[in-house]
Amino acid sequence: MMDFIHWFIDFVLHIDKHLVEIVANYETWTYLILFAIVFCETGLVVTPFLPGDSLIFAAGALAAADNSPLSIGLLLVVFFSAAFLGDNTNYWIGHFLGEKVYQKNYKLISRKNLDKTHNFYEKHGGKTLIFARFMPIIRTFAPFVAGVGKMFYLRFLSYSLISNLLWVNFFGWFGYLFANHPWVKNHFSVVVITIIIISLMPPFFAVVRSYFLRKKNQ
C-alpha cells in the first residue's frame, strides 16, 4: 500500500515526465489512457483521488512541445468527452443506487463527503456543478449527489455541459500557452502543487466556515 502511495505522489508531482513516458510507450493510445483517467475521476465516485486539473494542464503543456505527438484540439475533445460522460454516469449511479450507498457510509464513499457536497448544493443550487468542477473530490461527488437528489436531468445536463467546457478549456489552454515559459519549464512540480492547493482552498475554507458556524450556534 505504501509503495502505491509513494508511486502515486511521484506520478502527480512529476506528471509531465510520466506523460512523456506514456506517450513514448503507447503513442496514440495515450488519448485512450487520458480518457480513462478523467472518466474514472469524474464518473466513479470511488476514485476522487485521481488527478484531473494537473493532468489536463500537463497534457496541454506536452502538446505545446516541439514535434509533440499530441494535438491540443484532440486533447480538449477527449478530456471533455471523458468528463461529460463521467458526470452523466455518476449522476445515474446516484439516481438509482444513491440512497443505499448513502446509508452504508463506505470508507471511499463517506457520508461526510456526501454531506459536504449536499451542503454545497443547498447554498449554490445547480451552479454547484460549475463551482465543483474546479474542486478536487467535490467534483467527483457532485454529480452523484445530484442524482441522489433527483435533480431534473435536463437541468443537470446543461450545467454539466457548461462546467466541463470551462474546466477542460481553462486547464488545457493554460498548460498549452504557458508550457514554454522558462520558469514553468524549470518549476513544473511547483506549478502542479500550486494548482492542487488553489483547487483545494474553496472546500477547505467552506469546512472551516462550517466548523465555526457550528461552534457559534452551540
C-alpha atoms as a PDB file:
ATOM      1  CA  MET A   1       0.000   0.000   0.000  1.00  0.00           C
ATOM      2  CA  MET A   2       2.794   2.415   0.935  1.00  0.00           C
ATOM      3  CA  ASP A   3       4.566   1.646  -2.335  1.00  0.00           C
ATOM      4  CA  PHE A   4       1.421   2.608  -4.247  1.00  0.00           C
ATOM      5  CA  ILE A   5       1.086   5.851  -2.271  1.00  0.00           C
ATOM      6  CA  HIS A   6       4.712   6.769  -2.978  1.00  0.00           C
ATOM      7  CA  TRP A   7       4.277   5.941  -6.667  1.00  0.00           C
ATOM      8  CA  PHE A   8       1.048   7.937  -6.872  1.00  0.00           C
ATOM      9  CA  ILE A   9       2.581  11.015  -5.220  1.00  0.00           C
ATOM     10  CA  ASP A  10       5.554  10.804  -7.575  1.00  0.00           C
ATOM     11  CA  PHE A  11       3.199  10.436 -10.552  1.00  0.00           C
ATOM     12  CA  VAL A  12       1.247  13.568  -9.590  1.00  0.00           C
ATOM     13  CA  LEU A  13       4.296  15.713  -8.749  1.00  0.00           C
ATOM     14  CA  HIS A  14       6.188  14.660 -11.885  1.00  0.00           C
ATOM     15  CA  ILE A  15       3.180  14.142 -14.099  1.00  0.00           C
ATOM     16  CA  ASP A  16       4.891  15.819 -17.065  1.00  0.00           C
ATOM     17  CA  LYS A  17       7.720  13.256 -17.088  1.00  0.00           C
ATOM     18  CA  HIS A  18       5.325  10.345 -16.660  1.00  0.00           C
ATOM     19  CA  LEU A  19       3.187  11.624 -19.526  1.00  0.00           C
ATOM     20  CA  VAL A  20       6.258  11.714 -21.766  1.00  0.00           C
ATOM     21  CA  GLU A  21       6.909   8.061 -20.869  1.00  0.00           C
ATOM     22  CA  ILE A  22       3.284   7.126 -21.540  1.00  0.00           C
ATOM     23  CA  VAL A  23       3.357   8.817 -24.959  1.00  0.00           C
ATOM     24  CA  ALA A  24       6.654   7.112 -25.808  1.00  0.00           C
ATOM     25  CA  ASN A  25       5.295   3.691 -24.844  1.00  0.00           C
ATOM     26  CA  TYR A  26       1.714   3.914 -26.076  1.00  0.00           C
ATOM     27  CA  GLU A  27       1.754   6.666 -28.750  1.00  0.00           C
ATOM     28  CA  THR A  28      -1.820   7.348 -29.957  1.00  0.00           C
ATOM     29  CA  TRP A  29      -3.219   5.009 -27.287  1.00  0.00           C
ATOM     30  CA  THR A  30      -2.275   7.806 -24.881  1.00  0.00           C
ATOM     31  CA  TYR A  31      -5.562   9.509 -25.721  1.00  0.00           C
ATOM     32  CA  LEU A  32      -7.471   6.453 -24.500  1.00  0.00           C
ATOM     33  CA  ILE A  33      -5.418   6.321 -21.283  1.00  0.00           C
ATOM     34  CA  LEU A  34      -6.070  10.002 -20.584  1.00  0.00           C
ATOM     35  CA  PHE A  35      -9.763   9.490 -21.353  1.00  0.00           C
ATOM     36  CA  ALA A  36      -9.916   6.594 -18.879  1.00  0.00           C
ATOM     37  CA  ILE A  37      -8.233   8.546 -16.061  1.00  0.00           C
ATOM     38  CA  VAL A  38     -10.525  11.582 -16.361  1.00  0.00           C
ATOM     39  CA  PHE A  39     -13.618   9.414 -16.848  1.00  0.00           C
ATOM     40  CA  CYS A  40     -12.842   7.417 -13.696  1.00  0.00           C
ATOM     41  CA  GLU A  41     -12.027  10.541 -11.666  1.00  0.00           C
ATOM     42  CA  THR A  42     -15.329  12.096 -12.714  1.00  0.00           C
ATOM     43  CA  GLY A  43     -17.607   9.127 -13.233  1.00  0.00           C
ATOM     44  CA  LEU A  44     -16.710   6.674 -10.467  1.00  0.00           C
ATOM     45  CA  VAL A  45     -17.461   8.005  -7.016  1.00  0.00           C
ATOM     46  CA  VAL A  46     -14.802   5.679  -5.514  1.00  0.00           C
ATOM     47  CA  THR A  47     -11.876   7.300  -7.382  1.00  0.00           C
ATOM     48  CA  PRO A  48     -11.864  11.008  -6.407  1.00  0.00           C
ATOM     49  CA  PHE A  49      -8.107  10.835  -5.753  1.00  0.00           C
ATOM     50  CA  LEU A  50      -7.164  10.558  -9.438  1.00  0.00           C
ATOM     51  CA  PRO A  51      -5.519  13.657 -10.979  1.00  0.00           C
ATOM     52  CA  GLY A  52      -7.753  15.920 -13.031  1.00  0.00           C
ATOM     53  CA  ASP A  53      -6.662  19.564 -13.123  1.00  0.00           C
ATOM     54  CA  SER A  54      -2.944  18.768 -13.138  1.00  0.00           C
ATOM     55  CA  LEU A  55      -3.356  16.017 -15.747  1.00  0.00           C
ATOM     56  CA  ILE A  56      -5.149  18.312 -18.200  1.00  0.00           C
ATOM     57  CA  PHE A  57      -2.600  21.064 -17.564  1.00  0.00           C
ATOM     58  CA  ALA A  58       0.333  18.690 -18.101  1.00  0.00           C
ATOM     59  CA  ALA A  59      -1.187  17.192 -21.255  1.00  0.00           C
ATOM     60  CA  GLY A  60      -1.766  20.677 -22.645  1.00  0.00           C
ATOM     61  CA  ALA A  61       1.837  21.561 -21.852  1.00  0.00           C
ATOM     62  CA  LEU A  62       3.095  18.430 -23.590  1.00  0.00           C
ATOM     63  CA  ALA A  63       1.007  19.229 -26.674  1.00  0.00           C
ATOM     64  CA  ALA A  64       2.818  22.585 -26.922  1.00  0.00           C
ATOM     65  CA  ALA A  65       6.253  20.947 -27.143  1.00  0.00           C
ATOM     66  CA  ASP A  66       8.050  20.853 -30.490  1.00  0.00           C
ATOM     67  CA  ASN A  67       7.237  17.737 -32.523  1.00  0.00           C
ATOM     68  CA  SER A  68       4.697  16.647 -29.904  1.00  0.00           C
ATOM     69  CA  PRO A  69       2.542  13.670 -30.981  1.00  0.00           C
ATOM     70  CA  LEU A  70      -0.376  15.133 -29.046  1.00  0.00           C
ATOM     71  CA  SER A  71      -2.813  17.652 -30.514  1.00  0.00           C
ATOM     72  CA  ILE A  72      -4.296  20.270 -28.168  1.00  0.00           C
ATOM     73  CA  GLY A  73      -7.556  20.205 -30.147  1.00  0.00           C
ATOM     74  CA  LEU A  74      -7.950  16.449 -29.887  1.00  0.00           C
ATOM     75  CA  LEU A  75      -6.923  16.515 -26.225  1.00  0.00           C
ATOM     76  CA  LEU A  76      -9.673  19.003 -25.412  1.00  0.00           C
ATOM     77  CA  VAL A  77     -12.237  16.813 -27.201  1.00  0.00           C
ATOM     78  CA  VAL A  78     -11.014  13.696 -25.368  1.00  0.00           C
ATOM     79  CA  PHE A  79     -10.994  15.371 -21.949  1.00  0.00           C
ATOM     80  CA  PHE A  80     -14.397  16.975 -22.458  1.00  0.00           C
ATOM     81  CA  SER A  81     -15.936  13.686 -23.624  1.00  0.00           C
ATOM     82  CA  ALA A  82     -14.453  11.817 -20.657  1.00  0.00           C
ATOM     83  CA  ALA A  83     -15.613  14.384 -18.100  1.00  0.00           C
ATOM     84  CA  PHE A  84     -19.079  14.812 -19.609  1.00  0.00           C
ATOM     85  CA  LEU A  85     -19.706  11.058 -19.880  1.00  0.00           C
ATOM     86  CA  GLY A  86     -18.255  10.623 -16.391  1.00  0.00           C
ATOM     87  CA  ASP A  87     -20.631  13.233 -14.972  1.00  0.00           C
ATOM     88  CA  ASN A  88     -23.619  11.524 -16.529  1.00  0.00           C
ATOM     89  CA  THR A  89     -22.534   8.056 -15.418  1.00  0.00           C
ATOM     90  CA  ASN A  90     -22.100   9.351 -11.875  1.00  0.00           C
ATOM     91  CA  TYR A  91     -25.492  11.067 -11.954  1.00  0.00           C
ATOM     92  CA  TRP A  92     -27.336   7.873 -12.905  1.00  0.00           C
ATOM     93  CA  ILE A  93     -25.402   5.807 -10.354  1.00  0.00           C
ATOM     94  CA  GLY A  94     -26.558   8.279  -7.724  1.00  0.00           C
ATOM     95  CA  HIS A  95     -30.077   8.289  -9.167  1.00  0.00           C
ATOM     96  CA  PHE A  96     -30.532   4.512  -8.921  1.00  0.00           C
ATOM     97  CA  LEU A  97     -28.193   3.475  -6.088  1.00  0.00           C
ATOM     98  CA  GLY A  98     -27.537   6.638  -4.115  1.00  0.00           C
ATOM     99  CA  GLU A  99     -29.838   6.083  -1.157  1.00  0.00           C
ATOM    100  CA  LYS A 100     -28.441   2.599  -0.479  1.00  0.00           C
ATOM    101  CA  VAL A 101     -24.833   3.798  -0.778  1.00  0.00           C
ATOM    102  CA  TYR A 102     -25.531   6.791   1.449  1.00  0.00           C
ATOM    103  CA  GLN A 103     -26.913   4.597   4.232  1.00  0.00           C
ATOM    104  CA  LYS A 104     -23.881   2.276   4.206  1.00  0.00           C
ATOM    105  CA  ASN A 105     -21.281   5.058   4.825  1.00  0.00           C
ATOM    106  CA  TYR A 106     -18.422   3.306   2.995  1.00  0.00           C
ATOM    107  CA  LYS A 107     -14.821   4.415   3.532  1.00  0.00           C
ATOM    108  CA  LEU A 108     -14.336   5.531  -0.081  1.00  0.00           C
ATOM    109  CA  ILE A 109     -17.852   6.976  -0.325  1.00  0.00           C
ATOM    110  CA  SER A 110     -18.103   8.521   3.121  1.00  0.00           C
ATOM    111  CA  ARG A 111     -21.250  10.161   4.363  1.00  0.00           C
ATOM    112  CA  LYS A 112     -19.070  13.091   5.446  1.00  0.00           C
ATOM    113  CA  ASN A 113     -18.005  13.840   1.859  1.00  0.00           C
ATOM    114  CA  LEU A 114     -21.550  13.383   0.600  1.00  0.00           C
ATOM    115  CA  ASP A 115     -22.862  15.755   3.278  1.00  0.00           C
ATOM    116  CA  LYS A 116     -20.266  18.381   2.349  1.00  0.00           C
ATOM    117  CA  THR A 117     -21.352  18.215  -1.276  1.00  0.00           C
ATOM    118  CA  HIS A 118     -25.029  18.266  -0.322  1.00  0.00           C
ATOM    119  CA  ASN A 119     -24.471  21.404   1.793  1.00  0.00           C
ATOM    120  CA  PHE A 120     -22.701  22.974  -1.175  1.00  0.00           C
ATOM    121  CA  TYR A 121     -25.830  22.249  -3.243  1.00  0.00           C
ATOM    122  CA  GLU A 122     -28.011  23.812  -0.580  1.00  0.00           C
ATOM    123  CA  LYS A 123     -26.001  27.027  -0.807  1.00  0.00           C
ATOM    124  CA  HIS A 124     -25.362  27.292  -4.555  1.00  0.00           C
ATOM    125  CA  GLY A 125     -28.050  25.162  -6.216  1.00  0.00           C
ATOM    126  CA  GLY A 126     -27.352  23.881  -9.736  1.00  0.00           C
ATOM    127  CA  LYS A 127     -24.355  26.197 -10.041  1.00  0.00           C
ATOM    128  CA  THR A 128     -22.646  23.749  -7.673  1.00  0.00           C
ATOM    129  CA  LEU A 129     -21.805  21.617 -10.708  1.00  0.00           C
ATOM    130  CA  ILE A 130     -19.863  24.549 -12.195  1.00  0.00           C
ATOM    131  CA  PHE A 131     -18.084  25.519  -8.963  1.00  0.00           C
ATOM    132  CA  ALA A 132     -17.411  21.902  -8.014  1.00  0.00           C
ATOM    133  CA  ARG A 133     -15.804  21.112 -11.374  1.00  0.00           C
ATOM    134  CA  PHE A 134     -12.783  23.147 -10.234  1.00  0.00           C
ATOM    135  CA  MET A 135     -12.589  21.459  -6.810  1.00  0.00           C
ATOM    136  CA  PRO A 136     -10.959  18.030  -6.411  1.00  0.00           C
ATOM    137  CA  ILE A 137     -13.051  15.395  -4.587  1.00  0.00           C
ATOM    138  CA  ILE A 138     -16.188  17.580  -4.552  1.00  0.00           C
ATOM    139  CA  ARG A 139     -16.380  17.410  -8.357  1.00  0.00           C
ATOM    140  CA  THR A 140     -16.489  13.609  -8.110  1.00  0.00           C
ATOM    141  CA  PHE A 141     -19.322  13.624  -5.577  1.00  0.00           C
ATOM    142  CA  ALA A 142     -21.350  16.496  -7.084  1.00  0.00           C
ATOM    143  CA  PRO A 143     -22.972  14.531  -9.966  1.00  0.00           C
ATOM    144  CA  PHE A 144     -23.608  11.619  -7.613  1.00  0.00           C
ATOM    145  CA  VAL A 145     -25.385  13.865  -5.090  1.00  0.00           C
ATOM    146  CA  ALA A 146     -27.347  15.478  -7.935  1.00  0.00           C
ATOM    147  CA  GLY A 147     -28.532  12.004  -8.892  1.00  0.00           C
ATOM    148  CA  VAL A 148     -29.410  11.112  -5.301  1.00  0.00           C
ATOM    149  CA  GLY A 149     -31.402  14.349  -5.043  1.00  0.00           C
ATOM    150  CA  LYS A 150     -33.179  13.555  -8.326  1.00  0.00           C
ATOM    151  CA  MET A 151     -32.172  16.854  -9.921  1.00  0.00           C
ATOM    152  CA  PHE A 152     -34.147  17.408 -13.136  1.00  0.00           C
ATOM    153  CA  TYR A 153     -31.962  15.669 -15.729  1.00  0.00           C
ATOM    154  CA  LEU A 154     -32.076  18.336 -18.457  1.00  0.00           C
ATOM    155  CA  ARG A 155     -31.068  20.937 -15.869  1.00  0.00           C
ATOM    156  CA  PHE A 156     -28.189  18.711 -14.760  1.00  0.00           C
ATOM    157  CA  LEU A 157     -27.193  18.189 -18.390  1.00  0.00           C
ATOM    158  CA  SER A 158     -26.953  21.920 -19.099  1.00  0.00           C
ATOM    159  CA  TYR A 159     -24.807  22.618 -16.028  1.00  0.00           C
ATOM    160  CA  SER A 160     -22.608  19.621 -16.797  1.00  0.00           C
ATOM    161  CA  LEU A 161     -22.066  20.824 -20.360  1.00  0.00           C
ATOM    162  CA  ILE A 162     -21.063  24.336 -19.264  1.00  0.00           C
ATOM    163  CA  SER A 163     -18.867  23.226 -16.362  1.00  0.00           C
ATOM    164  CA  ASN A 164     -16.888  20.710 -18.397  1.00  0.00           C
ATOM    165  CA  LEU A 165     -16.342  23.117 -21.289  1.00  0.00           C
ATOM    166  CA  LEU A 166     -14.964  25.701 -18.853  1.00  0.00           C
ATOM    167  CA  TRP A 167     -12.831  23.219 -16.898  1.00  0.00           C
ATOM    168  CA  VAL A 168     -11.212  21.447 -19.842  1.00  0.00           C
ATOM    169  CA  ASN A 169     -10.516  24.619 -21.812  1.00  0.00           C
ATOM    170  CA  PHE A 170      -9.163  26.520 -18.810  1.00  0.00           C
ATOM    171  CA  PHE A 171      -6.558  23.955 -17.748  1.00  0.00           C
ATOM    172  CA  GLY A 172      -5.856  22.667 -21.248  1.00  0.00           C
ATOM    173  CA  TRP A 173      -5.101  26.081 -22.731  1.00  0.00           C
ATOM    174  CA  PHE A 174      -3.342  27.190 -19.531  1.00  0.00           C
ATOM    175  CA  GLY A 175      -0.871  24.337 -19.958  1.00  0.00           C
ATOM    176  CA  TYR A 176      -0.560  24.817 -23.703  1.00  0.00           C
ATOM    177  CA  LEU A 177       0.050  28.582 -23.619  1.00  0.00           C
ATOM    178  CA  PHE A 178       2.461  28.687 -20.670  1.00  0.00           C
ATOM    179  CA  ALA A 179       4.334  25.424 -21.250  1.00  0.00           C
ATOM    180  CA  ASN A 180       7.290  27.048 -22.979  1.00  0.00           C
ATOM    181  CA  HIS A 181       7.782  29.734 -20.358  1.00  0.00           C
ATOM    182  CA  PRO A 182      11.257  29.151 -18.840  1.00  0.00           C
ATOM    183  CA  TRP A 183      10.079  29.423 -15.239  1.00  0.00           C
ATOM    184  CA  VAL A 184       7.221  26.950 -15.809  1.00  0.00           C
ATOM    185  CA  LYS A 185       9.601  24.513 -17.501  1.00  0.00           C
ATOM    186  CA  ASN A 186      12.073  24.644 -14.609  1.00  0.00           C
ATOM    187  CA  HIS A 187       9.464  24.557 -11.842  1.00  0.00           C
ATOM    188  CA  PHE A 188       6.779  22.293 -13.278  1.00  0.00           C
ATOM    189  CA  SER A 189       6.260  20.413  -9.999  1.00  0.00           C
ATOM    190  CA  VAL A 190       5.762  23.714  -8.167  1.00  0.00           C
ATOM    191  CA  VAL A 191       3.111  24.722 -10.699  1.00  0.00           C
ATOM    192  CA  VAL A 192       1.326  21.376 -10.257  1.00  0.00           C
ATOM    193  CA  ILE A 193       1.384  21.699  -6.446  1.00  0.00           C
ATOM    194  CA  THR A 194       0.095  25.272  -6.721  1.00  0.00           C
ATOM    195  CA  ILE A 195      -2.795  24.133  -8.932  1.00  0.00           C
ATOM    196  CA  ILE A 196      -3.707  21.436  -6.398  1.00  0.00           C
ATOM    197  CA  ILE A 197      -3.522  23.845  -3.430  1.00  0.00           C
ATOM    198  CA  ILE A 198      -5.603  26.533  -5.157  1.00  0.00           C
ATOM    199  CA  SER A 199      -8.192  23.911  -6.154  1.00  0.00           C
ATOM    200  CA  LEU A 200      -8.452  22.684  -2.557  1.00  0.00           C
ATOM    201  CA  MET A 201      -8.762  26.136  -0.983  1.00  0.00           C
ATOM    202  CA  PRO A 202     -12.528  26.693  -1.558  1.00  0.00           C
ATOM    203  CA  PRO A 203     -13.635  23.409   0.078  1.00  0.00           C
ATOM    204  CA  PHE A 204     -11.083  23.943   2.871  1.00  0.00           C
ATOM    205  CA  PHE A 205     -12.471  27.388   3.702  1.00  0.00           C
ATOM    206  CA  ALA A 206     -16.007  26.012   3.427  1.00  0.00           C
ATOM    207  CA  VAL A 207     -15.174  23.355   6.042  1.00  0.00           C
ATOM    208  CA  VAL A 208     -13.537  25.930   8.349  1.00  0.00           C
ATOM    209  CA  ARG A 209     -16.500  28.286   7.980  1.00  0.00           C
ATOM    210  CA  SER A 210     -18.943  25.453   8.675  1.00  0.00           C
ATOM    211  CA  TYR A 211     -16.966  24.476  11.799  1.00  0.00           C
ATOM    212  CA  PHE A 212     -17.043  27.994  13.277  1.00  0.00           C
ATOM    213  CA  LEU A 213     -20.741  28.378  12.461  1.00  0.00           C
ATOM    214  CA  ARG A 214     -21.480  25.156  14.348  1.00  0.00           C
ATOM    215  CA  LYS A 215     -19.405  26.341  17.317  1.00  0.00           C
ATOM    216  CA  LYS A 216     -21.235  29.669  17.282  1.00  0.00           C
ATOM    217  CA  ASN A 217     -24.670  28.013  17.286  1.00  0.00           C
ATOM    218  CA  GLN A 218     -23.868  25.593  20.109  1.00  0.00           C
END
